[in-house]
Amino acid sequence: MIGLFIWYFFHIVVYILLAVVISLIGRPIIKLLNRVRIRGRKIPDTFQALLTLMSLYGIGLLIFLLFLPIVIQQAQGIASIDVQAMADKLKEPLASVEEFAATYQLQPEGKSIYEYAQDQLLSVISSIQFSAIANSITGFIGDLFLGIFAVTFISFFFLKEKQLFFNMMMGMMPDQYEEKLKNIFVSIQNLLTRYFVGVLLEMTIVGTIVGIGLTLFGVKNALLIGFLAGTLNIIPYLGPILGAIFGTIVVIATSVQMGIYGELLPLIIKVLSVFFTAQVVDNILLQPLIYSSSVKAHPMEIFIVILMASSVAGIPGMIFAIPAYTIFRVFAKEFFSNIKVIRSLTENL
């Protein structure tokens, strides 16, 4: 019955899980507000929850307002690109590529590489159904606002009534396991709170390193690239590669639009060097601190779990692999500690 409910009301389950994540991230703020006394009285739970949500959403809104003008500027720049002029500028660089392709008989029959690329681009554009895209965007915006409202509403009560989620879980479990489930809930809450706060800190540091590094090298839209690099860093191992690819594409598009070819290769090398530096800091300093200290698991163990999750559920699996594995380890330690392999996996918990 539980499995059927999760399958049929999957979007509601996602709202609840997102609310749990927000409540875990807001838990340090709740603890801080608990210590505050106004005329000898502590702040009521309702106001604590409201202040925590306002703090989290305020930070998110501040980041959004900070990067919105940059995104608009970039979008206007892309919209103002003269595609024909850009294609003409690319004829000269493509000539050497075409000569190489003709030498090794890699050229499409009866067409130059320029004509072939132009035909492919036109076929892609003609196949796009803009009305369907507009309808999808409209539906997405409606679902997004509904999801934000639902997650905010649920998060408020999870923050206000700190045992609410635990009580919901306990209502579905046999009474004889109540004591063990209490221990499990406390362990999971502590471990995941440290993990999610650590991930946010990791994203911020990586985004800051990339943004400052690209700014020092004079790269345009450095802050936007840094923000997206930090955001994509939430995807273990694959995220930094996607961020580097995105940053390189933006630099190439900007340089081609301005007709700068001589400086393109050195600029790409600078961009990749900044991403490499950020990745070294992330791998050597941040990830061991977050993964090993927060969830108390060996880096090799985490790597294998992420690979397994990616083969099962792709990128979403990679994102949620560590929290899910942490929950599994806590349950396994409480219920199956007599099994040798479980003892070896959970000895640091």
C-alpha atoms as a PDB file:
ATOM      1  CA  MET A   1       0.000   0.000   0.000  1.00  0.00           C
ATOM      2  CA  ILE A   2       2.847   2.391   0.795  1.00  0.00           C
ATOM      3  CA  GLY A   3       4.535   1.562  -2.505  1.00  0.00           C
ATOM      4  CA  LEU A   4       1.277   2.140  -4.404  1.00  0.00           C
ATOM      5  CA  PHE A   5       0.802   5.494  -2.667  1.00  0.00           C
ATOM      6  CA  ILE A   6       4.353   6.606  -3.531  1.00  0.00           C
ATOM      7  CA  TRP A   7       3.859   5.608  -7.171  1.00  0.00           C
ATOM      8  CA  TYR A   8       0.434   7.240  -7.609  1.00  0.00           C
ATOM      9  CA  PHE A   9       1.170  10.416  -5.614  1.00  0.00           C
ATOM     10  CA  PHE A  10       4.813  10.697  -6.558  1.00  0.00           C
ATOM     11  CA  HIS A  11       4.757  14.505  -6.896  1.00  0.00           C
ATOM     12  CA  ILE A  12       3.345  14.828  -3.360  1.00  0.00           C
ATOM     13  CA  VAL A  13       6.104  12.559  -2.040  1.00  0.00           C
ATOM     14  CA  VAL A  14       8.659  14.797  -3.797  1.00  0.00           C
ATOM     15  CA  TYR A  15       7.124  17.876  -2.134  1.00  0.00           C
ATOM     16  CA  ILE A  16       7.415  16.187   1.276  1.00  0.00           C
ATOM     17  CA  LEU A  17      11.030  15.138   0.677  1.00  0.00           C
ATOM     18  CA  LEU A  18      11.986  18.649  -0.481  1.00  0.00           C
ATOM     19  CA  ALA A  19      10.309  20.054   2.619  1.00  0.00           C
ATOM     20  CA  VAL A  20      12.335  17.628   4.738  1.00  0.00           C
ATOM     21  CA  VAL A  21      15.547  18.857   3.072  1.00  0.00           C
ATOM     22  CA  ILE A  22      14.589  22.501   3.719  1.00  0.00           C
ATOM     23  CA  SER A  23      13.768  21.724   7.346  1.00  0.00           C
ATOM     24  CA  LEU A  24      17.151  20.004   7.752  1.00  0.00           C
ATOM     25  CA  ILE A  25      18.978  22.966   6.203  1.00  0.00           C
ATOM     26  CA  GLY A  26      17.008  25.346   8.441  1.00  0.00           C
ATOM     27  CA  ARG A  27      17.668  23.294  11.565  1.00  0.00           C
ATOM     28  CA  PRO A  28      20.837  25.249  12.569  1.00  0.00           C
ATOM     29  CA  ILE A  29      18.845  28.492  12.309  1.00  0.00           C
ATOM     30  CA  ILE A  30      16.093  27.005  14.490  1.00  0.00           C
ATOM     31  CA  LYS A  31      18.708  25.991  17.075  1.00  0.00           C
ATOM     32  CA  LEU A  32      20.129  29.513  17.041  1.00  0.00           C
ATOM     33  CA  LEU A  33      16.695  31.102  17.462  1.00  0.00           C
ATOM     34  CA  ASN A  34      15.975  28.736  20.355  1.00  0.00           C
ATOM     35  CA  ARG A  35      18.790  30.371  22.295  1.00  0.00           C
ATOM     36  CA  VAL A  36      17.455  33.884  21.772  1.00  0.00           C
ATOM     37  CA  ARG A  37      15.537  35.349  24.707  1.00  0.00           C
ATOM     38  CA  ILE A  38      13.390  38.457  24.546  1.00  0.00           C
ATOM     39  CA  ARG A  39      12.579  39.715  28.047  1.00  0.00           C
ATOM     40  CA  GLY A  40      13.396  36.286  29.386  1.00  0.00           C
ATOM     41  CA  ARG A  41      11.093  34.474  26.969  1.00  0.00           C
ATOM     42  CA  LYS A  42      12.066  32.377  23.974  1.00  0.00           C
ATOM     43  CA  ILE A  43      10.691  33.086  20.524  1.00  0.00           C
ATOM     44  CA  PRO A  44       7.486  31.094  19.856  1.00  0.00           C
ATOM     45  CA  ASP A  45       7.870  28.090  17.545  1.00  0.00           C
ATOM     46  CA  THR A  46       5.605  29.678  14.925  1.00  0.00           C
ATOM     47  CA  PHE A  47       7.814  32.747  14.628  1.00  0.00           C
ATOM     48  CA  GLN A  48      10.944  30.604  14.645  1.00  0.00           C
ATOM     49  CA  ALA A  49       9.640  28.677  11.648  1.00  0.00           C
ATOM     50  CA  LEU A  50       8.589  31.868   9.858  1.00  0.00           C
ATOM     51  CA  LEU A  51      11.942  33.573  10.479  1.00  0.00           C
ATOM     52  CA  THR A  52      13.826  30.499   9.282  1.00  0.00           C
ATOM     53  CA  LEU A  53      11.808  30.263   6.058  1.00  0.00           C
ATOM     54  CA  MET A  54      12.162  34.003   5.493  1.00  0.00           C
ATOM     55  CA  SER A  55      15.937  33.725   5.977  1.00  0.00           C
ATOM     56  CA  LEU A  56      16.311  30.812   3.549  1.00  0.00           C
ATOM     57  CA  TYR A  57      14.002  32.300   0.933  1.00  0.00           C
ATOM     58  CA  GLY A  58      15.565  35.727   1.426  1.00  0.00           C
ATOM     59  CA  ILE A  59      19.003  34.352   0.600  1.00  0.00           C
ATOM     60  CA  GLY A  60      17.556  32.607  -2.461  1.00  0.00           C
ATOM     61  CA  LEU A  61      15.784  35.794  -3.598  1.00  0.00           C
ATOM     62  CA  LEU A  62      18.949  37.838  -3.090  1.00  0.00           C
ATOM     63  CA  ILE A  63      20.934  35.444  -5.264  1.00  0.00           C
ATOM     64  CA  PHE A  64      18.149  35.509  -7.893  1.00  0.00           C
ATOM     65  CA  LEU A  65      18.059  39.325  -7.981  1.00  0.00           C
ATOM     66  CA  LEU A  66      21.853  39.451  -8.129  1.00  0.00           C
ATOM     67  CA  PHE A  67      22.106  37.236 -11.190  1.00  0.00           C
ATOM     68  CA  LEU A  68      18.850  38.176 -12.971  1.00  0.00           C
ATOM     69  CA  PRO A  69      20.314  41.288 -14.681  1.00  0.00           C
ATOM     70  CA  ILE A  70      23.313  39.233 -15.834  1.00  0.00           C
ATOM     71  CA  VAL A  71      21.035  36.536 -17.280  1.00  0.00           C
ATOM     72  CA  ILE A  72      18.884  39.156 -19.035  1.00  0.00           C
ATOM     73  CA  GLN A  73      21.971  40.845 -20.446  1.00  0.00           C
ATOM     74  CA  GLN A  74      23.312  37.522 -21.713  1.00  0.00           C
ATOM     75  CA  ALA A  75      19.929  36.627 -23.239  1.00  0.00           C
ATOM     76  CA  GLN A  76      19.759  40.009 -24.994  1.00  0.00           C
ATOM     77  CA  GLY A  77      23.278  39.485 -26.284  1.00  0.00           C
ATOM     78  CA  ILE A  78      22.365  36.065 -27.663  1.00  0.00           C
ATOM     79  CA  ALA A  79      19.146  37.427 -29.202  1.00  0.00           C
ATOM     80  CA  SER A  80      21.062  40.249 -30.936  1.00  0.00           C
ATOM     81  CA  ILE A  81      23.549  37.903 -32.595  1.00  0.00           C
ATOM     82  CA  ASP A  82      23.445  38.144 -36.381  1.00  0.00           C
ATOM     83  CA  VAL A  83      23.414  34.443 -37.239  1.00  0.00           C
ATOM     84  CA  GLN A  84      24.315  35.031 -40.900  1.00  0.00           C
ATOM     85  CA  ALA A  85      27.231  37.308 -40.006  1.00  0.00           C
ATOM     86  CA  MET A  86      28.402  34.805 -37.407  1.00  0.00           C
ATOM     87  CA  ALA A  87      28.219  32.035 -39.999  1.00  0.00           C
ATOM     88  CA  ASP A  88      30.235  34.155 -42.438  1.00  0.00           C
ATOM     89  CA  LYS A  89      32.888  34.715 -39.761  1.00  0.00           C
ATOM     90  CA  LEU A  90      33.121  30.964 -39.268  1.00  0.00           C
ATOM     91  CA  LYS A  91      33.782  30.309 -42.973  1.00  0.00           C
ATOM     92  CA  GLU A  92      37.469  31.082 -42.646  1.00  0.00           C
ATOM     93  CA  PRO A  93      38.124  28.809 -39.615  1.00  0.00           C
ATOM     94  CA  LEU A  94      36.054  26.077 -41.262  1.00  0.00           C
ATOM     95  CA  ALA A  95      38.128  26.230 -44.431  1.00  0.00           C
ATOM     96  CA  SER A  96      41.068  24.486 -42.766  1.00  0.00           C
ATOM     97  CA  VAL A  97      38.718  21.903 -41.272  1.00  0.00           C
ATOM     98  CA  GLU A  98      37.172  21.321 -44.698  1.00  0.00           C
ATOM     99  CA  GLU A  99      40.603  20.901 -46.255  1.00  0.00           C
ATOM    100  CA  PHE A 100      41.500  18.318 -43.597  1.00  0.00           C
ATOM    101  CA  ALA A 101      38.178  16.481 -44.164  1.00  0.00           C
ATOM    102  CA  ALA A 102      38.703  16.438 -47.943  1.00  0.00           C
ATOM    103  CA  THR A 103      42.216  15.046 -47.515  1.00  0.00           C
ATOM    104  CA  TYR A 104      40.964  12.092 -45.483  1.00  0.00           C
ATOM    105  CA  GLN A 105      37.641  11.747 -47.391  1.00  0.00           C
ATOM    106  CA  LEU A 106      35.530  12.696 -44.364  1.00  0.00           C
ATOM    107  CA  GLN A 107      33.513  15.333 -46.208  1.00  0.00           C
ATOM    108  CA  PRO A 108      29.739  14.747 -46.836  1.00  0.00           C
ATOM    109  CA  GLU A 109      29.008  13.877 -50.468  1.00  0.00           C
ATOM    110  CA  GLY A 110      28.200  16.834 -52.736  1.00  0.00           C
ATOM    111  CA  LYS A 111      28.332  19.383 -49.893  1.00  0.00           C
ATOM    112  CA  SER A 112      30.882  21.449 -48.090  1.00  0.00           C
ATOM    113  CA  ILE A 113      31.068  21.257 -44.309  1.00  0.00           C
ATOM    114  CA  TYR A 114      29.600  24.770 -44.142  1.00  0.00           C
ATOM    115  CA  GLU A 115      26.598  23.791 -46.307  1.00  0.00           C
ATOM    116  CA  TYR A 116      26.105  20.549 -44.386  1.00  0.00           C
ATOM    117  CA  ALA A 117      26.155  22.348 -41.009  1.00  0.00           C
ATOM    118  CA  GLN A 118      23.760  24.996 -42.355  1.00  0.00           C
ATOM    119  CA  ASP A 119      21.295  22.343 -43.571  1.00  0.00           C
ATOM    120  CA  GLN A 120      21.427  20.503 -40.249  1.00  0.00           C
ATOM    121  CA  LEU A 121      20.826  23.721 -38.327  1.00  0.00           C
ATOM    122  CA  LEU A 122      17.846  24.655 -40.514  1.00  0.00           C
ATOM    123  CA  SER A 123      16.344  21.165 -40.138  1.00  0.00           C
ATOM    124  CA  VAL A 124      16.629  21.369 -36.358  1.00  0.00           C
ATOM    125  CA  ILE A 125      15.022  24.831 -36.244  1.00  0.00           C
ATOM    126  CA  SER A 126      12.184  23.781 -38.584  1.00  0.00           C
ATOM    127  CA  SER A 127      11.412  20.727 -36.442  1.00  0.00           C
ATOM    128  CA  ILE A 128      10.924  22.816 -33.281  1.00  0.00           C
ATOM    129  CA  GLN A 129       7.237  23.219 -32.401  1.00  0.00           C
ATOM    130  CA  PHE A 130       7.189  26.635 -30.762  1.00  0.00           C
ATOM    131  CA  SER A 131       3.514  26.426 -29.768  1.00  0.00           C
ATOM    132  CA  ALA A 132       4.153  23.177 -27.902  1.00  0.00           C
ATOM    133  CA  ILE A 133       7.163  24.769 -26.213  1.00  0.00           C
ATOM    134  CA  ALA A 134       5.041  27.776 -25.148  1.00  0.00           C
ATOM    135  CA  ASN A 135       2.372  25.477 -23.715  1.00  0.00           C
ATOM    136  CA  SER A 136       5.014  23.455 -21.885  1.00  0.00           C
ATOM    137  CA  ILE A 137       6.543  26.613 -20.395  1.00  0.00           C
ATOM    138  CA  THR A 138       3.114  27.824 -19.254  1.00  0.00           C
ATOM    139  CA  GLY A 139       2.350  24.476 -17.633  1.00  0.00           C
ATOM    140  CA  PHE A 140       5.790  24.367 -16.043  1.00  0.00           C
ATOM    141  CA  ILE A 141       5.359  27.821 -14.501  1.00  0.00           C
ATOM    142  CA  GLY A 142       1.985  26.819 -13.062  1.00  0.00           C
ATOM    143  CA  ASP A 143       3.399  23.586 -11.622  1.00  0.00           C
ATOM    144  CA  LEU A 144       6.422  25.478 -10.299  1.00  0.00           C
ATOM    145  CA  PHE A 145       4.327  27.966  -8.312  1.00  0.00           C
ATOM    146  CA  LEU A 146       2.132  25.161  -6.988  1.00  0.00           C
ATOM    147  CA  GLY A 147       5.226  23.202  -5.981  1.00  0.00           C
ATOM    148  CA  ILE A 148       6.818  26.216  -4.249  1.00  0.00           C
ATOM    149  CA  PHE A 149       3.625  26.882  -2.285  1.00  0.00           C
ATOM    150  CA  ALA A 150       3.235  23.212  -1.290  1.00  0.00           C
ATOM    151  CA  VAL A 151       6.883  22.807  -0.250  1.00  0.00           C
ATOM    152  CA  THR A 152       6.791  26.078   1.724  1.00  0.00           C
ATOM    153  CA  PHE A 153       3.578  25.100   3.508  1.00  0.00           C
ATOM    154  CA  ILE A 154       4.890  21.646   4.467  1.00  0.00           C
ATOM    155  CA  SER A 155       8.322  23.024   5.429  1.00  0.00           C
ATOM    156  CA  PHE A 156       6.711  25.521   7.794  1.00  0.00           C
ATOM    157  CA  PHE A 157       5.051  22.774   9.811  1.00  0.00           C
ATOM    158  CA  PHE A 158       8.171  20.580   9.757  1.00  0.00           C
ATOM    159  CA  LEU A 159      10.122  23.510  11.213  1.00  0.00           C
ATOM    160  CA  LYS A 160       7.409  24.490  13.673  1.00  0.00           C
ATOM    161  CA  GLU A 161       6.673  20.963  14.918  1.00  0.00           C
ATOM    162  CA  LYS A 162      10.126  19.406  14.954  1.00  0.00           C
ATOM    163  CA  GLN A 163       8.864  15.852  15.537  1.00  0.00           C
ATOM    164  CA  LEU A 164       6.092  15.997  12.933  1.00  0.00           C
ATOM    165  CA  PHE A 165       7.897  14.045  10.217  1.00  0.00           C
ATOM    166  CA  PHE A 166       9.112  11.513  12.771  1.00  0.00           C
ATOM    167  CA  ASN A 167       5.563  11.047  14.068  1.00  0.00           C
ATOM    168  CA  MET A 168       4.352  10.520  10.494  1.00  0.00           C
ATOM    169  CA  MET A 169       6.930   7.789   9.992  1.00  0.00           C
ATOM    170  CA  MET A 170       6.201   6.216  13.370  1.00  0.00           C
ATOM    171  CA  GLY A 171       2.528   5.985  12.469  1.00  0.00           C
ATOM    172  CA  MET A 172       3.417   3.471   9.742  1.00  0.00           C
ATOM    173  CA  MET A 173       5.799   1.326  11.810  1.00  0.00           C
ATOM    174  CA  PRO A 174       5.154  -1.538  14.297  1.00  0.00           C
ATOM    175  CA  ASP A 175       5.185  -0.535  17.969  1.00  0.00           C
ATOM    176  CA  GLN A 176       7.933  -3.010  18.917  1.00  0.00           C
ATOM    177  CA  TYR A 177      10.475  -1.043  16.842  1.00  0.00           C
ATOM    178  CA  GLU A 178       9.680   2.347  18.369  1.00  0.00           C
ATOM    179  CA  GLU A 179      12.886   2.668  20.428  1.00  0.00           C
ATOM    180  CA  LYS A 180      15.132   1.682  17.534  1.00  0.00           C
ATOM    181  CA  LEU A 181      13.302   4.039  15.184  1.00  0.00           C
ATOM    182  CA  LYS A 182      13.840   6.931  17.596  1.00  0.00           C
ATOM    183  CA  ASN A 183      17.590   6.282  17.518  1.00  0.00           C
ATOM    184  CA  ILE A 184      17.494   6.012  13.731  1.00  0.00           C
ATOM    185  CA  PHE A 185      15.605   9.279  13.361  1.00  0.00           C
ATOM    186  CA  VAL A 186      18.041  11.210  15.586  1.00  0.00           C
ATOM    187  CA  SER A 187      21.092   9.811  13.748  1.00  0.00           C
ATOM    188  CA  ILE A 188      19.649  10.506  10.301  1.00  0.00           C
ATOM    189  CA  GLN A 189      18.635  14.017  11.289  1.00  0.00           C
ATOM    190  CA  ASN A 190      22.110  14.877  12.569  1.00  0.00           C
ATOM    191  CA  LEU A 191      23.985  13.292   9.665  1.00  0.00           C
ATOM    192  CA  LEU A 192      21.821  14.749   6.889  1.00  0.00           C
ATOM    193  CA  THR A 193      21.744  18.213   8.470  1.00  0.00           C
ATOM    194  CA  ARG A 194      25.555  18.307   8.416  1.00  0.00           C
ATOM    195  CA  TYR A 195      25.589  16.917   4.872  1.00  0.00           C
ATOM    196  CA  PHE A 196      23.118  19.388   3.307  1.00  0.00           C
ATOM    197  CA  VAL A 197      24.689  22.384   5.038  1.00  0.00           C
ATOM    198  CA  GLY A 198      28.093  21.134   3.862  1.00  0.00           C
ATOM    199  CA  VAL A 199      26.851  20.782   0.266  1.00  0.00           C
ATOM    200  CA  LEU A 200      25.543  24.368   0.298  1.00  0.00           C
ATOM    201  CA  LEU A 201      28.904  25.546   1.615  1.00  0.00           C
ATOM    202  CA  GLU A 202      30.702  23.523  -1.067  1.00  0.00           C
ATOM    203  CA  MET A 203      28.554  25.030  -3.842  1.00  0.00           C
ATOM    204  CA  THR A 204      29.199  28.537  -2.523  1.00  0.00           C
ATOM    205  CA  ILE A 205      32.972  28.088  -2.305  1.00  0.00           C
ATOM    206  CA  VAL A 206      33.296  26.493  -5.758  1.00  0.00           C
ATOM    207  CA  GLY A 207      31.085  29.175  -7.354  1.00  0.00           C
ATOM    208  CA  THR A 208      33.100  31.917  -5.641  1.00  0.00           C
ATOM    209  CA  ILE A 209      36.448  30.474  -6.795  1.00  0.00           C
ATOM    210  CA  VAL A 210      35.248  30.192 -10.404  1.00  0.00           C
ATOM    211  CA  GLY A 211      33.596  33.631 -10.418  1.00  0.00           C
ATOM    212  CA  ILE A 212      36.600  35.452  -8.911  1.00  0.00           C
ATOM    213  CA  GLY A 213      39.107  33.523 -11.047  1.00  0.00           C
ATOM    214  CA  LEU A 214      37.310  34.298 -14.310  1.00  0.00           C
ATOM    215  CA  THR A 215      36.866  37.939 -13.276  1.00  0.00           C
ATOM    216  CA  LEU A 216      40.622  38.279 -12.713  1.00  0.00           C
ATOM    217  CA  PHE A 217      41.217  36.892 -16.227  1.00  0.00           C
ATOM    218  CA  GLY A 218      38.777  39.419 -17.685  1.00  0.00           C
ATOM    219  CA  VAL A 219      36.177  36.866 -18.802  1.00  0.00           C
ATOM    220  CA  LYS A 220      32.745  38.350 -19.490  1.00  0.00           C
ATOM    221  CA  ASN A 221      29.772  36.999 -17.513  1.00  0.00           C
ATOM    222  CA  ALA A 222      32.211  35.567 -14.958  1.00  0.00           C
ATOM    223  CA  LEU A 223      29.692  35.836 -12.096  1.00  0.00           C
ATOM    224  CA  LEU A 224      27.005  34.015 -14.079  1.00  0.00           C
ATOM    225  CA  ILE A 225      29.416  31.231 -15.025  1.00  0.00           C
ATOM    226  CA  GLY A 226      30.568  30.976 -11.399  1.00  0.00           C
ATOM    227  CA  PHE A 227      26.985  30.784 -10.124  1.00  0.00           C
ATOM    228  CA  LEU A 228      26.062  28.016 -12.566  1.00  0.00           C
ATOM    229  CA  ALA A 229      29.319  26.186 -11.832  1.00  0.00           C
ATOM    230  CA  GLY A 230      28.508  26.222  -8.116  1.00  0.00           C
ATOM    231  CA  THR A 231      24.938  25.092  -8.777  1.00  0.00           C
ATOM    232  CA  LEU A 232      25.992  22.236 -11.079  1.00  0.00           C
ATOM    233  CA  ASN A 233      28.541  21.159  -8.483  1.00  0.00           C
ATOM    234  CA  ILE A 234      25.647  19.553  -6.583  1.00  0.00           C
ATOM    235  CA  ILE A 235      25.991  16.688  -9.104  1.00  0.00           C
ATOM    236  CA  PRO A 236      28.915  14.619  -7.766  1.00  0.00           C
ATOM    237  CA  TYR A 237      31.897  14.244 -10.139  1.00  0.00           C
ATOM    238  CA  LEU A 238      29.848  15.083 -13.273  1.00  0.00           C
ATOM    239  CA  GLY A 239      28.768  18.585 -12.174  1.00  0.00           C
ATOM    240  CA  PRO A 240      32.209  20.262 -12.457  1.00  0.00           C
ATOM    241  CA  ILE A 241      32.632  18.858 -15.982  1.00  0.00           C
ATOM    242  CA  LEU A 242      29.232  20.247 -17.031  1.00  0.00           C
ATOM    243  CA  GLY A 243      30.137  23.609 -15.487  1.00  0.00           C
ATOM    244  CA  ALA A 244      33.438  23.727 -17.385  1.00  0.00           C
ATOM    245  CA  ILE A 245      31.680  22.829 -20.655  1.00  0.00           C
ATOM    246  CA  PHE A 246      29.068  25.546 -20.116  1.00  0.00           C
ATOM    247  CA  GLY A 247      31.719  28.163 -19.263  1.00  0.00           C
ATOM    248  CA  THR A 248      33.756  27.258 -22.345  1.00  0.00           C
ATOM    249  CA  ILE A 249      30.690  27.468 -24.625  1.00  0.00           C
ATOM    250  CA  VAL A 250      29.787  30.940 -23.280  1.00  0.00           C
ATOM    251  CA  VAL A 251      33.361  32.160 -23.834  1.00  0.00           C
ATOM    252  CA  ILE A 252      33.477  30.750 -27.385  1.00  0.00           C
ATOM    253  CA  ALA A 253      30.063  32.256 -28.265  1.00  0.00           C
ATOM    254  CA  THR A 254      31.080  35.671 -26.916  1.00  0.00           C
ATOM    255  CA  SER A 255      34.449  35.608 -28.685  1.00  0.00           C
ATOM    256  CA  VAL A 256      32.994  34.497 -32.036  1.00  0.00           C
ATOM    257  CA  GLN A 257      30.306  37.165 -31.782  1.00  0.00           C
ATOM    258  CA  MET A 258      33.006  39.839 -31.296  1.00  0.00           C
ATOM    259  CA  GLY A 259      35.175  38.374 -34.056  1.00  0.00           C
ATOM    260  CA  ILE A 260      38.051  37.628 -31.662  1.00  0.00           C
ATOM    261  CA  TYR A 261      39.844  34.515 -32.920  1.00  0.00           C
ATOM    262  CA  GLY A 262      43.464  35.146 -31.921  1.00  0.00           C
ATOM    263  CA  GLU A 263      42.613  35.383 -28.224  1.00  0.00           C
ATOM    264  CA  LEU A 264      40.128  32.505 -28.216  1.00  0.00           C
ATOM    265  CA  LEU A 265      42.519  29.624 -27.445  1.00  0.00           C
ATOM    266  CA  PRO A 266      44.386  31.432 -24.603  1.00  0.00           C
ATOM    267  CA  LEU A 267      41.035  32.461 -23.112  1.00  0.00           C
ATOM    268  CA  ILE A 268      39.745  28.886 -23.199  1.00  0.00           C
ATOM    269  CA  ILE A 269      42.945  27.712 -21.479  1.00  0.00           C
ATOM    270  CA  LYS A 270      42.429  30.339 -18.756  1.00  0.00           C
ATOM    271  CA  VAL A 271      38.803  29.256 -18.230  1.00  0.00           C
ATOM    272  CA  LEU A 272      39.745  25.589 -17.988  1.00  0.00           C
ATOM    273  CA  SER A 273      42.603  26.399 -15.593  1.00  0.00           C
ATOM    274  CA  VAL A 274      40.169  28.194 -13.261  1.00  0.00           C
ATOM    275  CA  PHE A 275      37.789  25.223 -13.307  1.00  0.00           C
ATOM    276  CA  PHE A 276      40.718  22.868 -12.731  1.00  0.00           C
ATOM    277  CA  THR A 277      41.825  24.891  -9.696  1.00  0.00           C
ATOM    278  CA  ALA A 278      38.288  24.897  -8.285  1.00  0.00           C
ATOM    279  CA  GLN A 279      38.076  21.148  -8.832  1.00  0.00           C
ATOM    280  CA  VAL A 280      41.377  20.519  -7.057  1.00  0.00           C
ATOM    281  CA  VAL A 281      40.213  22.548  -4.042  1.00  0.00           C
ATOM    282  CA  ASP A 282      36.884  20.704  -4.094  1.00  0.00           C
ATOM    283  CA  ASN A 283      38.420  17.223  -4.341  1.00  0.00           C
ATOM    284  CA  ILE A 284      41.276  17.693  -1.876  1.00  0.00           C
ATOM    285  CA  LEU A 285      39.648  19.913   0.737  1.00  0.00           C
ATOM    286  CA  LEU A 286      35.863  20.211   0.472  1.00  0.00           C
ATOM    287  CA  GLN A 287      34.631  16.751  -0.505  1.00  0.00           C
ATOM    288  CA  PRO A 288      36.645  14.802   2.111  1.00  0.00           C
ATOM    289  CA  LEU A 289      35.459  17.262   4.747  1.00  0.00           C
ATOM    290  CA  ILE A 290      31.806  16.981   3.698  1.00  0.00           C
ATOM    291  CA  TYR A 291      31.504  13.315   2.757  1.00  0.00           C
ATOM    292  CA  SER A 292      33.837  11.781   5.314  1.00  0.00           C
ATOM    293  CA  SER A 293      33.001  14.060   8.234  1.00  0.00           C
ATOM    294  CA  SER A 294      29.285  14.616   7.691  1.00  0.00           C
ATOM    295  CA  VAL A 295      28.084  11.145   6.654  1.00  0.00           C
ATOM    296  CA  LYS A 296      31.122   9.281   8.041  1.00  0.00           C
ATOM    297  CA  ALA A 297      31.815   7.206   4.936  1.00  0.00           C
ATOM    298  CA  HIS A 298      35.041   6.432   3.072  1.00  0.00           C
ATOM    299  CA  PRO A 299      35.531   8.403  -0.217  1.00  0.00           C
ATOM    300  CA  MET A 300      35.926   5.146  -2.205  1.00  0.00           C
ATOM    301  CA  GLU A 301      32.713   3.856  -0.678  1.00  0.00           C
ATOM    302  CA  ILE A 302      30.919   7.074  -1.666  1.00  0.00           C
ATOM    303  CA  PHE A 303      32.343   6.895  -5.210  1.00  0.00           C
ATOM    304  CA  ILE A 304      31.071   3.342  -5.772  1.00  0.00           C
ATOM    305  CA  VAL A 305      27.633   4.224  -4.372  1.00  0.00           C
ATOM    306  CA  ILE A 306      27.371   7.229  -6.710  1.00  0.00           C
ATOM    307  CA  LEU A 307      28.348   5.083  -9.720  1.00  0.00           C
ATOM    308  CA  MET A 308      25.688   2.512  -8.803  1.00  0.00           C
ATOM    309  CA  ALA A 309      23.059   5.230  -8.343  1.00  0.00           C
ATOM    310  CA  SER A 310      23.929   6.831 -11.690  1.00  0.00           C
ATOM    311  CA  SER A 311      23.453   3.499 -13.489  1.00  0.00           C
ATOM    312  CA  VAL A 312      20.012   3.099 -11.874  1.00  0.00           C
ATOM    313  CA  ALA A 313      18.595   6.634 -11.966  1.00  0.00           C
ATOM    314  CA  GLY A 314      21.041   8.832 -13.893  1.00  0.00           C
ATOM    315  CA  ILE A 315      21.772  12.356 -12.625  1.00  0.00           C
ATOM    316  CA  PRO A 316      18.894  12.398 -10.056  1.00  0.00           C
ATOM    317  CA  GLY A 317      20.318   9.181  -8.653  1.00  0.00           C
ATOM    318  CA  MET A 318      23.768  10.765  -8.336  1.00  0.00           C
ATOM    319  CA  ILE A 319      22.322  13.763  -6.470  1.00  0.00           C
ATOM    320  CA  PHE A 320      20.355  11.697  -3.959  1.00  0.00           C
ATOM    321  CA  ALA A 321      22.805   8.779  -3.694  1.00  0.00           C
ATOM    322  CA  ILE A 322      24.614   9.945  -0.563  1.00  0.00           C
ATOM    323  CA  PRO A 323      21.508  10.890   1.490  1.00  0.00           C
ATOM    324  CA  ALA A 324      19.824   7.600   0.530  1.00  0.00           C
ATOM    325  CA  TYR A 325      22.953   5.599   1.346  1.00  0.00           C
ATOM    326  CA  THR A 326      23.259   7.391   4.694  1.00  0.00           C
ATOM    327  CA  ILE A 327      19.682   6.456   5.607  1.00  0.00           C
ATOM    328  CA  PHE A 328      20.331   2.869   4.535  1.00  0.00           C
ATOM    329  CA  ARG A 329      23.470   2.647   6.706  1.00  0.00           C
ATOM    330  CA  VAL A 330      21.693   3.985   9.784  1.00  0.00           C
ATOM    331  CA  PHE A 331      18.827   1.496   9.371  1.00  0.00           C
ATOM    332  CA  ALA A 332      21.261  -1.348   8.687  1.00  0.00           C
ATOM    333  CA  LYS A 333      23.316  -0.572  11.781  1.00  0.00           C
ATOM    334  CA  GLU A 334      20.241  -0.551  14.012  1.00  0.00           C
ATOM    335  CA  PHE A 335      18.607  -3.708  12.659  1.00  0.00           C
ATOM    336  CA  PHE A 336      21.383  -5.832  11.066  1.00  0.00           C
ATOM    337  CA  SER A 337      24.497  -5.109  13.116  1.00  0.00           C
ATOM    338  CA  ASN A 338      25.021  -8.859  13.603  1.00  0.00           C
ATOM    339  CA  ILE A 339      26.031  -9.193   9.913  1.00  0.00           C
ATOM    340  CA  LYS A 340      29.776  -8.742   9.382  1.00  0.00           C
ATOM    341  CA  VAL A 341      29.582  -6.678   6.161  1.00  0.00           C
ATOM    342  CA  ILE A 342      27.046  -4.325   7.785  1.00  0.00           C
ATOM    343  CA  ARG A 343      29.352  -3.870  10.778  1.00  0.00           C
ATOM    344  CA  SER A 344      32.234  -2.933   8.483  1.00  0.00           C
ATOM    345  CA  LEU A 345      30.109  -0.388   6.592  1.00  0.00           C
ATOM    346  CA  THR A 346      28.664   1.232   9.701  1.00  0.00           C
ATOM    347  CA  GLU A 347      31.556   1.097  12.191  1.00  0.00           C
ATOM    348  CA  ASN A 348      32.123   4.876  11.972  1.00  0.00           C
ATOM    349  CA  LEU A 349      28.484   5.835  12.557  1.00  0.00           C
END
